[in-house]
Amino acid sequence: MSLKEIFIKLFGHAPKKEYDPLRDHRIYVRVTEQEKEIIEKLARCQCLDTSNFVRWLIFGKYIDDFIK
């Protein structure tokens, strides 16, 4: 059992990461207007802003599923 799984069982959610705005790194991705609208709508469905949605999608879903 991973540390993340233990934390979730104890507290009901994963630990939240704090990002330092002065030391953050950003990656810019070109998307069409239609793709941007889709991303924004999906983010709203998850109650996240687009940045957190993309981060959640990559690290929370893709990498976890890929590693498993």
PDB file of N, CA and C in Angstrom:
ATOM      1  N   MET A   1       0.853  -1.174   0.000  1.00  0.00           N
ATOM      2  CA  MET A   1       0.000   0.000   0.000  1.00  0.00           C
ATOM      3  C   MET A   1       0.898   1.236   0.000  1.00  0.00           C
ATOM      4  N   SER A   2       0.587   2.175  -0.879  1.00  0.00           N
ATOM      5  CA  SER A   2       1.416   3.375  -0.992  1.00  0.00           C
ATOM      6  C   SER A   2       1.060   4.379   0.100  1.00  0.00           C
ATOM      7  N   LEU A   3       1.939   5.343   0.281  1.00  0.00           N
ATOM      8  CA  LEU A   3       1.715   6.397   1.265  1.00  0.00           C
ATOM      9  C   LEU A   3       0.448   7.179   0.928  1.00  0.00           C
ATOM     10  N   LYS A   4       0.222   7.403  -0.356  1.00  0.00           N
ATOM     11  CA  LYS A   4      -0.976   8.126  -0.790  1.00  0.00           C
ATOM     12  C   LYS A   4      -2.238   7.355  -0.410  1.00  0.00           C
ATOM     13  N   GLU A   5      -2.240   6.043  -0.610  1.00  0.00           N
ATOM     14  CA  GLU A   5      -3.402   5.220  -0.268  1.00  0.00           C
ATOM     15  C   GLU A   5      -3.660   5.224   1.230  1.00  0.00           C
ATOM     16  N   ILE A   6      -2.600   5.168   2.034  1.00  0.00           N
ATOM     17  CA  ILE A   6      -2.736   5.220   3.493  1.00  0.00           C
ATOM     18  C   ILE A   6      -3.330   6.557   3.912  1.00  0.00           C
ATOM     19  N   PHE A   7      -2.829   7.636   3.353  1.00  0.00           N
ATOM     20  CA  PHE A   7      -3.316   8.978   3.680  1.00  0.00           C
ATOM     21  C   PHE A   7      -4.797   9.104   3.335  1.00  0.00           C
ATOM     22  N   ILE A   8      -5.185   8.572   2.175  1.00  0.00           N
ATOM     23  CA  ILE A   8      -6.586   8.643   1.757  1.00  0.00           C
ATOM     24  C   ILE A   8      -7.469   7.860   2.714  1.00  0.00           C
ATOM     25  N   LYS A   9      -7.024   6.690   3.160  1.00  0.00           N
ATOM     26  CA  LYS A   9      -7.820   5.898   4.100  1.00  0.00           C
ATOM     27  C   LYS A   9      -7.958   6.602   5.445  1.00  0.00           C
ATOM     28  N   LEU A  10      -6.902   7.275   5.895  1.00  0.00           N
ATOM     29  CA  LEU A  10      -6.948   7.957   7.186  1.00  0.00           C
ATOM     30  C   LEU A  10      -7.758   9.247   7.137  1.00  0.00           C
ATOM     31  N   PHE A  11      -7.562  10.047   6.103  1.00  0.00           N
ATOM     32  CA  PHE A  11      -8.150  11.383   6.066  1.00  0.00           C
ATOM     33  C   PHE A  11      -9.255  11.549   5.025  1.00  0.00           C
ATOM     34  N   GLY A  12      -9.463  10.570   4.174  1.00  0.00           N
ATOM     35  CA  GLY A  12     -10.533  10.644   3.196  1.00  0.00           C
ATOM     36  C   GLY A  12     -10.183  11.383   1.917  1.00  0.00           C
ATOM     37  N   HIS A  13      -8.970  11.921   1.840  1.00  0.00           N
ATOM     38  CA  HIS A  13      -8.538  12.622   0.628  1.00  0.00           C
ATOM     39  C   HIS A  13      -7.021  12.631   0.575  1.00  0.00           C
ATOM     40  N   ALA A  14      -6.508  12.844  -0.605  1.00  0.00           N
ATOM     41  CA  ALA A  14      -5.052  12.898  -0.791  1.00  0.00           C
ATOM     42  C   ALA A  14      -4.515  14.225  -0.254  1.00  0.00           C
ATOM     43  N   PRO A  15      -3.250  14.249   0.168  1.00  0.00           N
ATOM     44  CA  PRO A  15      -2.675  15.516   0.639  1.00  0.00           C
ATOM     45  C   PRO A  15      -2.647  16.542  -0.489  1.00  0.00           C
ATOM     46  N   LYS A  16      -2.933  17.795  -0.133  1.00  0.00           N
ATOM     47  CA  LYS A  16      -2.935  18.854  -1.145  1.00  0.00           C
ATOM     48  C   LYS A  16      -1.539  19.424  -1.292  1.00  0.00           C
ATOM     49  N   LYS A  17      -1.149  19.638  -2.534  1.00  0.00           N
ATOM     50  CA  LYS A  17       0.164  20.211  -2.807  1.00  0.00           C
ATOM     51  C   LYS A  17       0.046  21.721  -2.822  1.00  0.00           C
ATOM     52  N   GLU A  18       1.026  22.380  -2.266  1.00  0.00           N
ATOM     53  CA  GLU A  18       1.075  23.835  -2.295  1.00  0.00           C
ATOM     54  C   GLU A  18       2.081  24.249  -3.359  1.00  0.00           C
ATOM     55  N   TYR A  19       1.655  25.100  -4.267  1.00  0.00           N
ATOM     56  CA  TYR A  19       2.527  25.569  -5.329  1.00  0.00           C
ATOM     57  C   TYR A  19       2.971  26.989  -5.028  1.00  0.00           C
ATOM     58  N   ASP A  20       4.258  27.223  -5.114  1.00  0.00           N
ATOM     59  CA  ASP A  20       4.828  28.546  -4.889  1.00  0.00           C
ATOM     60  C   ASP A  20       4.713  29.337  -6.184  1.00  0.00           C
ATOM     61  N   PRO A  21       3.910  30.417  -6.192  1.00  0.00           N
ATOM     62  CA  PRO A  21       3.700  31.151  -7.441  1.00  0.00           C
ATOM     63  C   PRO A  21       4.973  31.738  -8.039  1.00  0.00           C
ATOM     64  N   LEU A  22       5.979  31.983  -7.227  1.00  0.00           N
ATOM     65  CA  LEU A  22       7.220  32.544  -7.754  1.00  0.00           C
ATOM     66  C   LEU A  22       8.125  31.486  -8.371  1.00  0.00           C
ATOM     67  N   ARG A  23       7.904  30.225  -8.023  1.00  0.00           N
ATOM     68  CA  ARG A  23       8.781  29.159  -8.511  1.00  0.00           C
ATOM     69  C   ARG A  23       8.059  28.141  -9.378  1.00  0.00           C
ATOM     70  N   ASP A  24       6.818  28.421  -9.696  1.00  0.00           N
ATOM     71  CA  ASP A  24       6.056  27.518 -10.564  1.00  0.00           C
ATOM     72  C   ASP A  24       6.626  27.525 -11.971  1.00  0.00           C
ATOM     73  N   HIS A  25       6.478  26.420 -12.626  1.00  0.00           N
ATOM     74  CA  HIS A  25       6.845  26.317 -14.039  1.00  0.00           C
ATOM     75  C   HIS A  25       5.561  26.093 -14.815  1.00  0.00           C
ATOM     76  N   ARG A  26       5.440  26.747 -15.927  1.00  0.00           N
ATOM     77  CA  ARG A  26       4.236  26.620 -16.746  1.00  0.00           C
ATOM     78  C   ARG A  26       4.594  26.002 -18.090  1.00  0.00           C
ATOM     79  N   ILE A  27       3.665  25.226 -18.583  1.00  0.00           N
ATOM     80  CA  ILE A  27       3.798  24.624 -19.907  1.00  0.00           C
ATOM     81  C   ILE A  27       2.625  25.140 -20.734  1.00  0.00           C
ATOM     82  N   TYR A  28       2.923  25.720 -21.859  1.00  0.00           N
ATOM     83  CA  TYR A  28       1.876  26.246 -22.729  1.00  0.00           C
ATOM     84  C   TYR A  28       1.625  25.255 -23.853  1.00  0.00           C
ATOM     85  N   VAL A  29       0.361  24.987 -24.089  1.00  0.00           N
ATOM     86  CA  VAL A  29      -0.036  24.022 -25.108  1.00  0.00           C
ATOM     87  C   VAL A  29      -0.983  24.720 -26.079  1.00  0.00           C
ATOM     88  N   ARG A  30      -0.712  24.573 -27.354  1.00  0.00           N
ATOM     89  CA  ARG A  30      -1.602  25.165 -28.359  1.00  0.00           C
ATOM     90  C   ARG A  30      -2.843  24.289 -28.514  1.00  0.00           C
ATOM     91  N   VAL A  31      -4.001  24.924 -28.440  1.00  0.00           N
ATOM     92  CA  VAL A  31      -5.268  24.236 -28.670  1.00  0.00           C
ATOM     93  C   VAL A  31      -6.141  25.143 -29.529  1.00  0.00           C
ATOM     94  N   THR A  32      -7.088  24.533 -30.206  1.00  0.00           N
ATOM     95  CA  THR A  32      -8.041  25.327 -30.981  1.00  0.00           C
ATOM     96  C   THR A  32      -9.056  25.941 -30.022  1.00  0.00           C
ATOM     97  N   GLU A  33      -9.829  26.874 -30.515  1.00  0.00           N
ATOM     98  CA  GLU A  33     -10.866  27.502 -29.687  1.00  0.00           C
ATOM     99  C   GLU A  33     -11.868  26.454 -29.205  1.00  0.00           C
ATOM    100  N   GLN A  34     -12.217  25.517 -30.077  1.00  0.00           N
ATOM    101  CA  GLN A  34     -13.160  24.459 -29.715  1.00  0.00           C
ATOM    102  C   GLN A  34     -12.574  23.552 -28.625  1.00  0.00           C
ATOM    103  N   GLU A  35     -11.305  23.183 -28.752  1.00  0.00           N
ATOM    104  CA  GLU A  35     -10.656  22.348 -27.732  1.00  0.00           C
ATOM    105  C   GLU A  35     -10.588  23.083 -26.393  1.00  0.00           C
ATOM    106  N   LYS A  36     -10.305  24.375 -26.450  1.00  0.00           N
ATOM    107  CA  LYS A  36     -10.247  25.180 -25.228  1.00  0.00           C
ATOM    108  C   LYS A  36     -11.602  25.189 -24.523  1.00  0.00           C
ATOM    109  N   GLU A  37     -12.670  25.359 -25.283  1.00  0.00           N
ATOM    110  CA  GLU A  37     -14.011  25.359 -24.706  1.00  0.00           C
ATOM    111  C   GLU A  37     -14.338  24.011 -24.071  1.00  0.00           C
ATOM    112  N   ILE A  38     -13.941  22.935 -24.721  1.00  0.00           N
ATOM    113  CA  ILE A  38     -14.184  21.593 -24.175  1.00  0.00           C
ATOM    114  C   ILE A  38     -13.435  21.419 -22.859  1.00  0.00           C
ATOM    115  N   ILE A  39     -12.175  21.829 -22.819  1.00  0.00           N
ATOM    116  CA  ILE A  39     -11.379  21.716 -21.591  1.00  0.00           C
ATOM    117  C   ILE A  39     -12.016  22.531 -20.472  1.00  0.00           C
ATOM    118  N   GLU A  40     -12.457  23.751 -20.785  1.00  0.00           N
ATOM    119  CA  GLU A  40     -13.085  24.597 -19.768  1.00  0.00           C
ATOM    120  C   GLU A  40     -14.383  23.983 -19.250  1.00  0.00           C
ATOM    121  N   LYS A  41     -15.186  23.396 -20.136  1.00  0.00           N
ATOM    122  CA  LYS A  41     -16.441  22.756 -19.720  1.00  0.00           C
ATOM    123  C   LYS A  41     -16.172  21.528 -18.857  1.00  0.00           C
ATOM    124  N   LEU A  42     -15.191  20.724 -19.251  1.00  0.00           N
ATOM    125  CA  LEU A  42     -14.847  19.546 -18.453  1.00  0.00           C
ATOM    126  C   LEU A  42     -14.310  19.950 -17.086  1.00  0.00           C
ATOM    127  N   ALA A  43     -13.528  21.020 -17.044  1.00  0.00           N
ATOM    128  CA  ALA A  43     -12.995  21.513 -15.771  1.00  0.00           C
ATOM    129  C   ALA A  43     -14.133  21.955 -14.857  1.00  0.00           C
ATOM    130  N   ARG A  44     -15.120  22.647 -15.419  1.00  0.00           N
ATOM    131  CA  ARG A  44     -16.271  23.081 -14.612  1.00  0.00           C
ATOM    132  C   ARG A  44     -17.036  21.877 -14.073  1.00  0.00           C
ATOM    133  N   CYS A  45     -17.144  20.816 -14.871  1.00  0.00           N
ATOM    134  CA  CYS A  45     -17.830  19.597 -14.410  1.00  0.00           C
ATOM    135  C   CYS A  45     -17.127  18.989 -13.202  1.00  0.00           C
ATOM    136  N   GLN A  46     -15.813  19.137 -13.137  1.00  0.00           N
ATOM    137  CA  GLN A  46     -15.028  18.607 -12.023  1.00  0.00           C
ATOM    138  C   GLN A  46     -14.842  19.643 -10.913  1.00  0.00           C
ATOM    139  N   CYS A  47     -15.461  20.824 -11.073  1.00  0.00           N
ATOM    140  CA  CYS A  47     -15.347  21.928 -10.105  1.00  0.00           C
ATOM    141  C   CYS A  47     -13.897  22.365  -9.921  1.00  0.00           C
ATOM    142  N   LEU A  48     -13.162  22.431 -11.007  1.00  0.00           N
ATOM    143  CA  LEU A  48     -11.765  22.853 -10.984  1.00  0.00           C
ATOM    144  C   LEU A  48     -11.550  23.952 -12.014  1.00  0.00           C
ATOM    145  N   ASP A  49     -10.495  24.759 -11.802  1.00  0.00           N
ATOM    146  CA  ASP A  49     -10.114  25.673 -12.872  1.00  0.00           C
ATOM    147  C   ASP A  49      -9.337  24.857 -13.906  1.00  0.00           C
ATOM    148  N   THR A  50      -9.097  25.436 -15.065  1.00  0.00           N
ATOM    149  CA  THR A  50      -8.495  24.653 -16.150  1.00  0.00           C
ATOM    150  C   THR A  50      -7.099  24.153 -15.802  1.00  0.00           C
ATOM    151  N   SER A  51      -6.322  24.965 -15.105  1.00  0.00           N
ATOM    152  CA  SER A  51      -4.965  24.558 -14.739  1.00  0.00           C
ATOM    153  C   SER A  51      -4.988  23.340 -13.816  1.00  0.00           C
ATOM    154  N   ASN A  52      -5.812  23.396 -12.782  1.00  0.00           N
ATOM    155  CA  ASN A  52      -5.909  22.269 -11.853  1.00  0.00           C
ATOM    156  C   ASN A  52      -6.542  21.051 -12.513  1.00  0.00           C
ATOM    157  N   PHE A  53      -7.471  21.277 -13.439  1.00  0.00           N
ATOM    158  CA  PHE A  53      -8.086  20.163 -14.150  1.00  0.00           C
ATOM    159  C   PHE A  53      -7.056  19.411 -14.981  1.00  0.00           C
ATOM    160  N   VAL A  54      -6.250  20.144 -15.737  1.00  0.00           N
ATOM    161  CA  VAL A  54      -5.226  19.502 -16.568  1.00  0.00           C
ATOM    162  C   VAL A  54      -4.212  18.782 -15.684  1.00  0.00           C
ATOM    163  N   ARG A  55      -3.803  19.401 -14.585  1.00  0.00           N
ATOM    164  CA  ARG A  55      -2.868  18.768 -13.651  1.00  0.00           C
ATOM    165  C   ARG A  55      -3.483  17.490 -13.079  1.00  0.00           C
ATOM    166  N   TRP A  56      -4.759  17.554 -12.656  1.00  0.00           N
ATOM    167  CA  TRP A  56      -5.467  16.397 -12.114  1.00  0.00           C
ATOM    168  C   TRP A  56      -5.575  15.297 -13.163  1.00  0.00           C
ATOM    169  N   LEU A  57      -5.879  15.692 -14.390  1.00  0.00           N
ATOM    170  CA  LEU A  57      -6.031  14.715 -15.464  1.00  0.00           C
ATOM    171  C   LEU A  57      -4.723  13.983 -15.735  1.00  0.00           C
ATOM    172  N   ILE A  58      -3.631  14.723 -15.793  1.00  0.00           N
ATOM    173  CA  ILE A  58      -2.338  14.114 -16.103  1.00  0.00           C
ATOM    174  C   ILE A  58      -1.812  13.305 -14.928  1.00  0.00           C
ATOM    175  N   PHE A  59      -1.741  13.924 -13.756  1.00  0.00           N
ATOM    176  CA  PHE A  59      -1.118  13.253 -12.619  1.00  0.00           C
ATOM    177  C   PHE A  59      -2.079  12.333 -11.876  1.00  0.00           C
ATOM    178  N   GLY A  60      -3.334  12.699 -11.792  1.00  0.00           N
ATOM    179  CA  GLY A  60      -4.286  11.904 -11.031  1.00  0.00           C
ATOM    180  C   GLY A  60      -4.852  10.736 -11.795  1.00  0.00           C
ATOM    181  N   LYS A  61      -5.051  10.916 -13.073  1.00  0.00           N
ATOM    182  CA  LYS A  61      -5.688   9.872 -13.864  1.00  0.00           C
ATOM    183  C   LYS A  61      -4.696   9.137 -14.761  1.00  0.00           C
ATOM    184  N   TYR A  62      -4.062   9.849 -15.657  1.00  0.00           N
ATOM    185  CA  TYR A  62      -3.230   9.194 -16.663  1.00  0.00           C
ATOM    186  C   TYR A  62      -2.052   8.459 -16.042  1.00  0.00           C
ATOM    187  N   ILE A  63      -1.287   9.129 -15.220  1.00  0.00           N
ATOM    188  CA  ILE A  63      -0.085   8.496 -14.664  1.00  0.00           C
ATOM    189  C   ILE A  63      -0.454   7.352 -13.731  1.00  0.00           C
ATOM    190  N   ASP A  64      -1.475   7.538 -12.866  1.00  0.00           N
ATOM    191  CA  ASP A  64      -1.893   6.457 -11.975  1.00  0.00           C
ATOM    192  C   ASP A  64      -2.353   5.241 -12.770  1.00  0.00           C
ATOM    193  N   ASP A  65      -3.161   5.466 -13.804  1.00  0.00           N
ATOM    194  CA  ASP A  65      -3.645   4.354 -14.625  1.00  0.00           C
ATOM    195  C   ASP A  65      -2.517   3.734 -15.441  1.00  0.00           C
ATOM    196  N   PHE A  66      -1.602   4.564 -15.923  1.00  0.00           N
ATOM    197  CA  PHE A  66      -0.486   4.080 -16.730  1.00  0.00           C
ATOM    198  C   PHE A  66       0.457   3.227 -15.886  1.00  0.00           C
ATOM    199  N   ILE A  67       0.744   3.663 -14.674  1.00  0.00           N
ATOM    200  CA  ILE A  67       1.665   2.932 -13.794  1.00  0.00           C
ATOM    201  C   ILE A  67       1.045   1.615 -13.350  1.00  0.00           C
ATOM    202  N   LYS A  68      -0.250   1.606 -13.076  1.00  0.00           N
ATOM    203  CA  LYS A  68      -0.933   0.389 -12.631  1.00  0.00           C
ATOM    204  C   LYS A  68      -1.054  -0.531 -13.805  1.00  0.00           C
TER     205      LYS A  68
END
